[in-house]
Amino acid sequence: MIEQGMTVLYGSHGVCRVEGKVVQNLSNGKHEYYVLKPVYQASSTLFIPTDSEQLLSTVKEILSPDEIDDLLHSVKDEEPQWIENENIRKQSFSEILASGDRFRILMLIKSVYKHKTEVETAGKKLHQSDEKSFKEAEKLLYDEFAVSLDINPSEVLNYIIGKISKAG
């Protein structure tokens, strides 16, 4: 249930505050919309039809600090898998980002980070599409984590590293 004042994650738009509802008179009648303001894009406003189950299914409550810590703990010992075929990898990354599944997004970040380290050690660069997916995944998670943990997005990586590198 979406309510005014909530902070939510809305698909690839990231963290938003629910400002309320509005009714718009359009050529095909009156329609009611939820009004969302992206937290890190103050000049943007998003409108979601209140009767669109498909769009509303992409709205999720942001994780609590305890849920974030549980998520980080769950990926700590997971070994990321790299997909060698560029087209399949690109499609997979796109599906992961669209899913909003934080575990899979975090594993994407972990996988690309590991691969990036390997290719840079070999004197090469990360493929541009991998870098783009990596940045998009980071933005989605880091913005959500920053709001939930009440820290600056630039501090999130150190928070994650601290949690993942702790023993136990």
N, C-alpha and C. Protein backbone atom coordinates (compact mmCIF):
# COMPACT_ATOMS: atom_id res chain seq x y z
N MET A 1 0.85 -1.19 0.00
CA MET A 1 0.00 0.00 0.00
C MET A 1 0.88 1.24 0.00
N ILE A 2 0.71 2.08 -0.98
CA ILE A 2 1.48 3.31 -1.10
C ILE A 2 0.74 4.42 -0.36
N GLU A 3 1.48 5.13 0.51
CA GLU A 3 0.88 6.22 1.26
C GLU A 3 1.76 7.46 1.21
N GLN A 4 1.13 8.60 1.31
CA GLN A 4 1.85 9.86 1.32
C GLN A 4 2.90 9.86 2.42
N GLY A 5 4.10 10.37 2.08
CA GLY A 5 5.19 10.45 3.05
C GLY A 5 6.12 9.26 3.05
N MET A 6 5.71 8.16 2.42
CA MET A 6 6.57 6.98 2.35
C MET A 6 7.78 7.25 1.48
N THR A 7 8.87 6.56 1.78
CA THR A 7 10.03 6.55 0.91
C THR A 7 10.06 5.16 0.27
N VAL A 8 10.08 5.14 -1.06
CA VAL A 8 9.99 3.88 -1.79
C VAL A 8 11.08 3.80 -2.86
N LEU A 9 11.27 2.59 -3.35
CA LEU A 9 12.13 2.35 -4.49
C LEU A 9 11.20 2.12 -5.66
N TYR A 10 11.34 2.92 -6.72
CA TYR A 10 10.47 2.80 -7.88
C TYR A 10 11.28 2.39 -9.10
N GLY A 11 11.28 1.10 -9.39
CA GLY A 11 11.97 0.56 -10.55
C GLY A 11 13.35 1.15 -10.75
N SER A 12 13.68 1.49 -11.97
CA SER A 12 15.00 2.04 -12.26
C SER A 12 15.09 3.54 -11.95
N HIS A 13 14.00 4.14 -11.47
CA HIS A 13 14.01 5.56 -11.11
C HIS A 13 14.68 5.78 -9.76
N GLY A 14 14.79 4.73 -8.97
CA GLY A 14 15.47 4.82 -7.69
C GLY A 14 14.56 5.23 -6.55
N VAL A 15 15.18 5.84 -5.54
CA VAL A 15 14.49 6.19 -4.30
C VAL A 15 13.64 7.44 -4.50
N CYS A 16 12.37 7.32 -4.10
CA CYS A 16 11.42 8.43 -4.26
C CYS A 16 10.61 8.60 -2.97
N ARG A 17 10.15 9.82 -2.76
CA ARG A 17 9.21 10.10 -1.68
C ARG A 17 7.82 10.24 -2.31
N VAL A 18 6.84 9.62 -1.65
CA VAL A 18 5.47 9.71 -2.14
C VAL A 18 4.89 11.03 -1.64
N GLU A 19 4.56 11.90 -2.59
CA GLU A 19 4.05 13.23 -2.26
C GLU A 19 2.54 13.22 -2.05
N GLY A 20 1.86 12.23 -2.63
CA GLY A 20 0.41 12.16 -2.50
C GLY A 20 -0.22 11.66 -3.78
N LYS A 21 -1.49 12.03 -3.99
CA LYS A 21 -2.23 11.63 -5.19
C LYS A 21 -2.79 12.88 -5.86
N VAL A 22 -2.97 12.78 -7.17
CA VAL A 22 -3.63 13.85 -7.93
C VAL A 22 -4.58 13.21 -8.92
N VAL A 23 -5.59 13.98 -9.31
CA VAL A 23 -6.51 13.55 -10.36
C VAL A 23 -6.26 14.47 -11.55
N GLN A 24 -6.06 13.85 -12.71
CA GLN A 24 -5.83 14.61 -13.94
C GLN A 24 -7.01 14.39 -14.88
N ASN A 25 -7.48 15.48 -15.48
CA ASN A 25 -8.51 15.38 -16.51
C ASN A 25 -7.82 15.24 -17.85
N LEU A 26 -7.96 14.09 -18.46
CA LEU A 26 -7.38 13.84 -19.77
C LEU A 26 -8.50 13.67 -20.79
N SER A 27 -8.12 13.57 -22.04
CA SER A 27 -9.13 13.45 -23.11
C SER A 27 -10.01 12.21 -22.95
N ASN A 28 -9.47 11.17 -22.29
CA ASN A 28 -10.27 9.95 -22.11
C ASN A 28 -10.85 9.83 -20.70
N GLY A 29 -10.95 10.96 -20.00
CA GLY A 29 -11.58 10.97 -18.68
C GLY A 29 -10.62 11.32 -17.56
N LYS A 30 -11.13 11.21 -16.34
CA LYS A 30 -10.32 11.51 -15.15
C LYS A 30 -9.50 10.29 -14.77
N HIS A 31 -8.25 10.56 -14.37
CA HIS A 31 -7.35 9.48 -13.94
C HIS A 31 -6.62 9.92 -12.68
N GLU A 32 -6.47 8.98 -11.74
CA GLU A 32 -5.79 9.28 -10.49
C GLU A 32 -4.36 8.72 -10.54
N TYR A 33 -3.43 9.52 -10.02
CA TYR A 33 -2.01 9.17 -10.05
C TYR A 33 -1.37 9.37 -8.68
N TYR A 34 -0.41 8.51 -8.37
CA TYR A 34 0.49 8.77 -7.24
C TYR A 34 1.56 9.72 -7.75
N VAL A 35 1.94 10.67 -6.91
CA VAL A 35 2.99 11.62 -7.26
C VAL A 35 4.24 11.25 -6.46
N LEU A 36 5.33 10.98 -7.17
CA LEU A 36 6.60 10.61 -6.54
C LEU A 36 7.67 11.62 -6.91
N LYS A 37 8.51 11.96 -5.94
CA LYS A 37 9.64 12.86 -6.16
C LYS A 37 10.91 12.07 -5.91
N PRO A 38 11.74 11.87 -6.95
CA PRO A 38 13.02 11.20 -6.75
C PRO A 38 13.87 11.97 -5.73
N VAL A 39 14.42 11.25 -4.76
CA VAL A 39 15.19 11.87 -3.68
C VAL A 39 16.41 12.60 -4.20
N TYR A 40 17.10 12.02 -5.18
CA TYR A 40 18.34 12.60 -5.68
C TYR A 40 18.18 13.33 -7.00
N GLN A 41 16.94 13.62 -7.40
CA GLN A 41 16.65 14.41 -8.59
C GLN A 41 15.47 15.33 -8.27
N ALA A 42 15.73 16.31 -7.47
CA ALA A 42 14.66 17.17 -6.94
C ALA A 42 13.83 17.84 -8.03
N SER A 43 14.40 18.03 -9.21
CA SER A 43 13.66 18.71 -10.27
C SER A 43 12.69 17.78 -11.01
N SER A 44 12.74 16.48 -10.72
CA SER A 44 11.87 15.52 -11.40
C SER A 44 10.63 15.20 -10.57
N THR A 45 9.57 14.88 -11.27
CA THR A 45 8.34 14.40 -10.64
C THR A 45 7.83 13.25 -11.48
N LEU A 46 7.44 12.17 -10.80
CA LEU A 46 6.93 10.98 -11.48
C LEU A 46 5.47 10.78 -11.12
N PHE A 47 4.69 10.32 -12.09
CA PHE A 47 3.27 10.06 -11.88
C PHE A 47 3.00 8.60 -12.22
N ILE A 48 2.41 7.88 -11.28
CA ILE A 48 2.08 6.47 -11.50
C ILE A 48 0.57 6.32 -11.41
N PRO A 49 -0.06 5.81 -12.47
CA PRO A 49 -1.51 5.59 -12.40
C PRO A 49 -1.85 4.66 -11.23
N THR A 50 -2.81 5.06 -10.42
CA THR A 50 -3.16 4.26 -9.24
C THR A 50 -3.78 2.92 -9.61
N ASP A 51 -4.21 2.77 -10.88
CA ASP A 51 -4.83 1.52 -11.30
C ASP A 51 -3.90 0.65 -12.18
N SER A 52 -2.63 1.00 -12.25
CA SER A 52 -1.68 0.23 -13.07
C SER A 52 -0.93 -0.78 -12.21
N GLU A 53 -1.45 -2.01 -12.19
CA GLU A 53 -0.82 -3.06 -11.39
C GLU A 53 0.62 -3.31 -11.83
N GLN A 54 0.86 -3.23 -13.13
CA GLN A 54 2.21 -3.47 -13.65
C GLN A 54 3.20 -2.45 -13.10
N LEU A 55 2.87 -1.17 -13.16
CA LEU A 55 3.78 -0.14 -12.65
C LEU A 55 3.86 -0.18 -11.13
N LEU A 56 2.74 -0.40 -10.46
CA LEU A 56 2.73 -0.44 -9.01
C LEU A 56 3.53 -1.63 -8.47
N SER A 57 3.64 -2.69 -9.27
CA SER A 57 4.42 -3.85 -8.82
C SER A 57 5.91 -3.54 -8.76
N THR A 58 6.35 -2.45 -9.38
CA THR A 58 7.76 -2.07 -9.34
C THR A 58 8.08 -1.12 -8.19
N VAL A 59 7.07 -0.77 -7.41
CA VAL A 59 7.26 0.09 -6.25
C VAL A 59 7.48 -0.79 -5.03
N LYS A 60 8.61 -0.58 -4.35
CA LYS A 60 8.95 -1.39 -3.17
C LYS A 60 9.35 -0.47 -2.03
N GLU A 61 9.05 -0.92 -0.82
CA GLU A 61 9.54 -0.18 0.33
C GLU A 61 11.05 -0.29 0.38
N ILE A 62 11.71 0.77 0.82
CA ILE A 62 13.16 0.68 0.93
C ILE A 62 13.52 -0.25 2.08
N LEU A 63 14.70 -0.83 1.97
CA LEU A 63 15.16 -1.75 3.01
C LEU A 63 15.50 -1.00 4.29
N SER A 64 15.29 -1.65 5.42
CA SER A 64 15.69 -1.09 6.71
C SER A 64 17.19 -1.33 6.88
N PRO A 65 17.85 -0.64 7.80
CA PRO A 65 19.27 -0.91 8.05
C PRO A 65 19.55 -2.39 8.38
N ASP A 66 18.67 -3.02 9.15
CA ASP A 66 18.86 -4.45 9.46
C ASP A 66 18.72 -5.31 8.21
N GLU A 67 17.77 -4.98 7.35
CA GLU A 67 17.60 -5.73 6.11
C GLU A 67 18.81 -5.57 5.19
N ILE A 68 19.38 -4.37 5.18
CA ILE A 68 20.59 -4.12 4.39
C ILE A 68 21.73 -4.98 4.90
N ASP A 69 21.92 -5.00 6.22
CA ASP A 69 22.97 -5.82 6.81
C ASP A 69 22.76 -7.30 6.51
N ASP A 70 21.51 -7.77 6.57
CA ASP A 70 21.20 -9.17 6.24
C ASP A 70 21.53 -9.46 4.78
N LEU A 71 21.19 -8.53 3.89
CA LEU A 71 21.48 -8.69 2.47
C LEU A 71 22.99 -8.78 2.24
N LEU A 72 23.73 -7.88 2.86
CA LEU A 72 25.19 -7.89 2.70
C LEU A 72 25.79 -9.18 3.24
N HIS A 73 25.26 -9.65 4.34
CA HIS A 73 25.74 -10.90 4.92
C HIS A 73 25.45 -12.07 3.97
N SER A 74 24.30 -12.03 3.29
CA SER A 74 23.91 -13.14 2.40
C SER A 74 24.79 -13.24 1.16
N VAL A 75 25.39 -12.12 0.72
CA VAL A 75 26.25 -12.17 -0.48
C VAL A 75 27.72 -12.29 -0.13
N LYS A 76 28.04 -12.16 1.14
CA LYS A 76 29.44 -12.14 1.56
C LYS A 76 30.25 -13.31 1.03
N ASP A 77 29.72 -14.51 1.15
CA ASP A 77 30.47 -15.71 0.76
C ASP A 77 30.05 -16.25 -0.61
N GLU A 78 29.15 -15.54 -1.28
CA GLU A 78 28.72 -15.97 -2.62
C GLU A 78 29.80 -15.63 -3.64
N GLU A 79 30.10 -16.57 -4.49
CA GLU A 79 31.09 -16.34 -5.55
C GLU A 79 30.34 -15.91 -6.82
N PRO A 80 30.62 -14.71 -7.32
CA PRO A 80 29.91 -14.24 -8.51
C PRO A 80 30.33 -15.04 -9.75
N GLN A 81 29.40 -15.21 -10.66
CA GLN A 81 29.65 -15.92 -11.92
C GLN A 81 29.74 -14.89 -13.05
N TRP A 82 30.77 -15.00 -13.88
CA TRP A 82 30.92 -14.10 -15.01
C TRP A 82 30.41 -14.80 -16.26
N ILE A 83 29.58 -14.12 -17.03
CA ILE A 83 29.06 -14.65 -18.29
C ILE A 83 29.98 -14.18 -19.41
N GLU A 84 30.65 -15.11 -20.05
CA GLU A 84 31.64 -14.76 -21.08
C GLU A 84 31.02 -14.15 -22.33
N ASN A 85 29.87 -14.66 -22.76
CA ASN A 85 29.23 -14.16 -23.97
C ASN A 85 28.67 -12.76 -23.70
N GLU A 86 29.21 -11.79 -24.42
CA GLU A 86 28.85 -10.39 -24.18
C GLU A 86 27.36 -10.10 -24.36
N ASN A 87 26.74 -10.66 -25.40
CA ASN A 87 25.32 -10.41 -25.65
C ASN A 87 24.44 -11.02 -24.56
N ILE A 88 24.77 -12.24 -24.17
CA ILE A 88 24.00 -12.90 -23.10
C ILE A 88 24.20 -12.15 -21.78
N ARG A 89 25.44 -11.72 -21.51
CA ARG A 89 25.74 -10.98 -20.28
C ARG A 89 24.96 -9.66 -20.25
N LYS A 90 24.97 -8.95 -21.37
CA LYS A 90 24.26 -7.67 -21.45
C LYS A 90 22.76 -7.86 -21.19
N GLN A 91 22.18 -8.90 -21.78
CA GLN A 91 20.77 -9.21 -21.58
C GLN A 91 20.50 -9.58 -20.12
N SER A 92 21.37 -10.39 -19.56
CA SER A 92 21.23 -10.81 -18.17
C SER A 92 21.30 -9.61 -17.23
N PHE A 93 22.27 -8.74 -17.44
CA PHE A 93 22.41 -7.55 -16.61
C PHE A 93 21.18 -6.66 -16.71
N SER A 94 20.65 -6.52 -17.92
CA SER A 94 19.45 -5.71 -18.13
C SER A 94 18.27 -6.28 -17.35
N GLU A 95 18.11 -7.60 -17.40
CA GLU A 95 17.02 -8.26 -16.68
C GLU A 95 17.19 -8.11 -15.16
N ILE A 96 18.41 -8.23 -14.69
CA ILE A 96 18.68 -8.08 -13.25
C ILE A 96 18.32 -6.68 -12.79
N LEU A 97 18.76 -5.68 -13.53
CA LEU A 97 18.47 -4.29 -13.15
C LEU A 97 16.98 -4.00 -13.18
N ALA A 98 16.29 -4.53 -14.17
CA ALA A 98 14.84 -4.32 -14.28
C ALA A 98 14.08 -5.04 -13.18
N SER A 99 14.62 -6.13 -12.68
CA SER A 99 13.93 -6.94 -11.66
C SER A 99 13.82 -6.21 -10.32
N GLY A 100 14.79 -5.36 -10.03
CA GLY A 100 14.80 -4.69 -8.72
C GLY A 100 15.20 -5.60 -7.59
N ASP A 101 15.61 -6.82 -7.90
CA ASP A 101 16.03 -7.79 -6.88
C ASP A 101 17.38 -7.37 -6.33
N ARG A 102 17.38 -6.89 -5.10
CA ARG A 102 18.61 -6.33 -4.52
C ARG A 102 19.74 -7.36 -4.41
N PHE A 103 19.42 -8.61 -4.10
CA PHE A 103 20.45 -9.64 -4.01
C PHE A 103 21.13 -9.80 -5.37
N ARG A 104 20.32 -9.93 -6.42
CA ARG A 104 20.88 -10.11 -7.77
C ARG A 104 21.65 -8.86 -8.21
N ILE A 105 21.17 -7.67 -7.85
CA ILE A 105 21.87 -6.44 -8.21
C ILE A 105 23.22 -6.37 -7.48
N LEU A 106 23.22 -6.74 -6.23
CA LEU A 106 24.47 -6.75 -5.47
C LEU A 106 25.45 -7.77 -6.04
N MET A 107 24.94 -8.92 -6.46
CA MET A 107 25.81 -9.93 -7.09
C MET A 107 26.34 -9.44 -8.44
N LEU A 108 25.53 -8.67 -9.17
CA LEU A 108 25.99 -8.06 -10.42
C LEU A 108 27.16 -7.13 -10.13
N ILE A 109 27.02 -6.29 -9.12
CA ILE A 109 28.09 -5.36 -8.73
C ILE A 109 29.35 -6.14 -8.36
N LYS A 110 29.17 -7.17 -7.57
CA LYS A 110 30.30 -7.98 -7.12
C LYS A 110 30.99 -8.65 -8.31
N SER A 111 30.19 -9.17 -9.24
CA SER A 111 30.72 -9.85 -10.42
C SER A 111 31.51 -8.89 -11.31
N VAL A 112 30.92 -7.74 -11.61
CA VAL A 112 31.60 -6.77 -12.48
C VAL A 112 32.85 -6.22 -11.80
N TYR A 113 32.77 -5.97 -10.50
CA TYR A 113 33.92 -5.45 -9.76
C TYR A 113 35.08 -6.45 -9.83
N LYS A 114 34.78 -7.72 -9.62
CA LYS A 114 35.81 -8.76 -9.67
C LYS A 114 36.41 -8.84 -11.07
N HIS A 115 35.55 -8.84 -12.09
CA HIS A 115 36.02 -8.91 -13.48
C HIS A 115 36.84 -7.67 -13.84
N LYS A 116 36.40 -6.52 -13.39
CA LYS A 116 37.11 -5.26 -13.67
C LYS A 116 38.52 -5.33 -13.09
N THR A 117 38.65 -5.83 -11.88
CA THR A 117 39.96 -5.98 -11.25
C THR A 117 40.85 -6.90 -12.08
N GLU A 118 40.28 -8.00 -12.56
CA GLU A 118 41.04 -8.97 -13.37
C GLU A 118 41.51 -8.36 -14.69
N VAL A 119 40.62 -7.66 -15.40
CA VAL A 119 41.01 -7.12 -16.71
C VAL A 119 42.00 -5.96 -16.55
N GLU A 120 41.83 -5.15 -15.50
CA GLU A 120 42.77 -4.05 -15.29
C GLU A 120 44.15 -4.57 -14.92
N THR A 121 44.20 -5.68 -14.18
CA THR A 121 45.48 -6.30 -13.84
C THR A 121 46.18 -6.77 -15.12
N ALA A 122 45.40 -7.19 -16.10
CA ALA A 122 45.94 -7.64 -17.38
C ALA A 122 46.20 -6.46 -18.34
N GLY A 123 46.02 -5.22 -17.85
CA GLY A 123 46.28 -4.03 -18.67
C GLY A 123 45.18 -3.70 -19.65
N LYS A 124 43.98 -4.22 -19.41
CA LYS A 124 42.85 -3.96 -20.30
C LYS A 124 41.80 -3.12 -19.59
N LYS A 125 40.79 -2.75 -20.36
CA LYS A 125 39.68 -1.97 -19.80
C LYS A 125 38.40 -2.80 -19.79
N LEU A 126 37.53 -2.45 -18.88
CA LEU A 126 36.22 -3.08 -18.79
C LEU A 126 35.39 -2.64 -19.99
N HIS A 127 34.60 -3.56 -20.54
CA HIS A 127 33.74 -3.24 -21.68
C HIS A 127 32.76 -2.15 -21.27
N GLN A 128 32.47 -1.24 -22.19
CA GLN A 128 31.61 -0.09 -21.92
C GLN A 128 30.22 -0.49 -21.42
N SER A 129 29.62 -1.52 -21.99
CA SER A 129 28.27 -1.92 -21.55
C SER A 129 28.31 -2.49 -20.13
N ASP A 130 29.41 -3.17 -19.77
CA ASP A 130 29.56 -3.68 -18.40
C ASP A 130 29.71 -2.52 -17.42
N GLU A 131 30.49 -1.52 -17.81
CA GLU A 131 30.67 -0.33 -16.97
C GLU A 131 29.34 0.39 -16.76
N LYS A 132 28.54 0.48 -17.81
CA LYS A 132 27.24 1.15 -17.72
C LYS A 132 26.31 0.39 -16.76
N SER A 133 26.25 -0.92 -16.90
CA SER A 133 25.42 -1.74 -16.00
C SER A 133 25.90 -1.62 -14.56
N PHE A 134 27.21 -1.62 -14.39
CA PHE A 134 27.82 -1.50 -13.06
C PHE A 134 27.40 -0.18 -12.41
N LYS A 135 27.52 0.91 -13.15
CA LYS A 135 27.16 2.24 -12.62
C LYS A 135 25.67 2.32 -12.28
N GLU A 136 24.83 1.75 -13.14
CA GLU A 136 23.39 1.78 -12.89
C GLU A 136 23.04 0.97 -11.64
N ALA A 137 23.67 -0.19 -11.51
CA ALA A 137 23.43 -1.04 -10.33
C ALA A 137 23.89 -0.33 -9.06
N GLU A 138 25.07 0.28 -9.13
CA GLU A 138 25.58 1.02 -7.97
C GLU A 138 24.62 2.13 -7.57
N LYS A 139 24.15 2.89 -8.54
CA LYS A 139 23.26 4.01 -8.24
C LYS A 139 21.98 3.52 -7.56
N LEU A 140 21.39 2.46 -8.12
CA LEU A 140 20.15 1.93 -7.53
C LEU A 140 20.35 1.53 -6.07
N LEU A 141 21.37 0.74 -5.82
CA LEU A 141 21.58 0.26 -4.45
C LEU A 141 22.12 1.34 -3.53
N TYR A 142 23.09 2.09 -4.00
CA TYR A 142 23.74 3.08 -3.14
C TYR A 142 22.76 4.16 -2.69
N ASP A 143 21.90 4.60 -3.60
CA ASP A 143 20.92 5.62 -3.23
C ASP A 143 19.96 5.07 -2.16
N GLU A 144 19.49 3.85 -2.36
CA GLU A 144 18.58 3.25 -1.39
C GLU A 144 19.28 3.05 -0.05
N PHE A 145 20.49 2.51 -0.07
CA PHE A 145 21.23 2.27 1.17
C PHE A 145 21.49 3.59 1.89
N ALA A 146 21.86 4.63 1.13
CA ALA A 146 22.17 5.92 1.74
C ALA A 146 20.96 6.50 2.47
N VAL A 147 19.79 6.44 1.84
CA VAL A 147 18.58 6.96 2.47
C VAL A 147 18.25 6.16 3.73
N SER A 148 18.29 4.84 3.60
CA SER A 148 17.94 3.98 4.73
C SER A 148 18.92 4.12 5.90
N LEU A 149 20.21 4.21 5.58
CA LEU A 149 21.24 4.29 6.61
C LEU A 149 21.52 5.72 7.07
N ASP A 150 20.87 6.69 6.42
CA ASP A 150 21.05 8.11 6.71
C ASP A 150 22.52 8.51 6.58
N ILE A 151 23.11 8.11 5.43
CA ILE A 151 24.48 8.50 5.12
C ILE A 151 24.51 9.06 3.70
N ASN A 152 25.63 9.64 3.32
CA ASN A 152 25.81 10.17 1.98
C ASN A 152 26.04 9.01 1.02
N PRO A 153 25.50 9.07 -0.21
CA PRO A 153 25.73 7.98 -1.16
C PRO A 153 27.22 7.66 -1.36
N SER A 154 28.08 8.66 -1.23
CA SER A 154 29.51 8.42 -1.41
C SER A 154 30.11 7.58 -0.28
N GLU A 155 29.40 7.42 0.82
CA GLU A 155 29.88 6.63 1.95
C GLU A 155 29.42 5.17 1.90
N VAL A 156 28.53 4.85 0.97
CA VAL A 156 27.93 3.52 0.93
C VAL A 156 28.95 2.43 0.61
N LEU A 157 29.84 2.67 -0.35
CA LEU A 157 30.82 1.64 -0.71
C LEU A 157 31.65 1.24 0.51
N ASN A 158 32.13 2.21 1.27
CA ASN A 158 32.91 1.88 2.47
C ASN A 158 32.07 1.12 3.49
N TYR A 159 30.80 1.45 3.58
CA TYR A 159 29.90 0.73 4.49
C TYR A 159 29.79 -0.73 4.05
N ILE A 160 29.58 -0.94 2.75
CA ILE A 160 29.45 -2.30 2.22
C ILE A 160 30.74 -3.09 2.44
N ILE A 161 31.85 -2.49 2.09
CA ILE A 161 33.14 -3.17 2.26
C ILE A 161 33.36 -3.54 3.73
N GLY A 162 33.03 -2.62 4.62
CA GLY A 162 33.16 -2.90 6.06
C GLY A 162 32.31 -4.07 6.50
N LYS A 163 31.09 -4.15 6.01
CA LYS A 163 30.19 -5.24 6.39
C LYS A 163 30.60 -6.57 5.76
N ILE A 164 31.03 -6.53 4.50
CA ILE A 164 31.38 -7.77 3.82
C ILE A 164 32.72 -8.32 4.30
N SER A 165 33.62 -7.44 4.68
CA SER A 165 34.95 -7.92 5.09
C SER A 165 35.02 -8.37 6.54
N LYS A 166 33.98 -8.07 7.33
CA LYS A 166 33.97 -8.52 8.74
C LYS A 166 33.86 -10.03 8.80
N ALA A 167 34.57 -10.62 9.73
CA ALA A 167 34.47 -12.07 9.92
C ALA A 167 33.17 -12.39 10.62
N GLY A 168 32.62 -13.59 10.28
CA GLY A 168 31.42 -14.07 10.97
C GLY A 168 30.21 -13.52 10.48
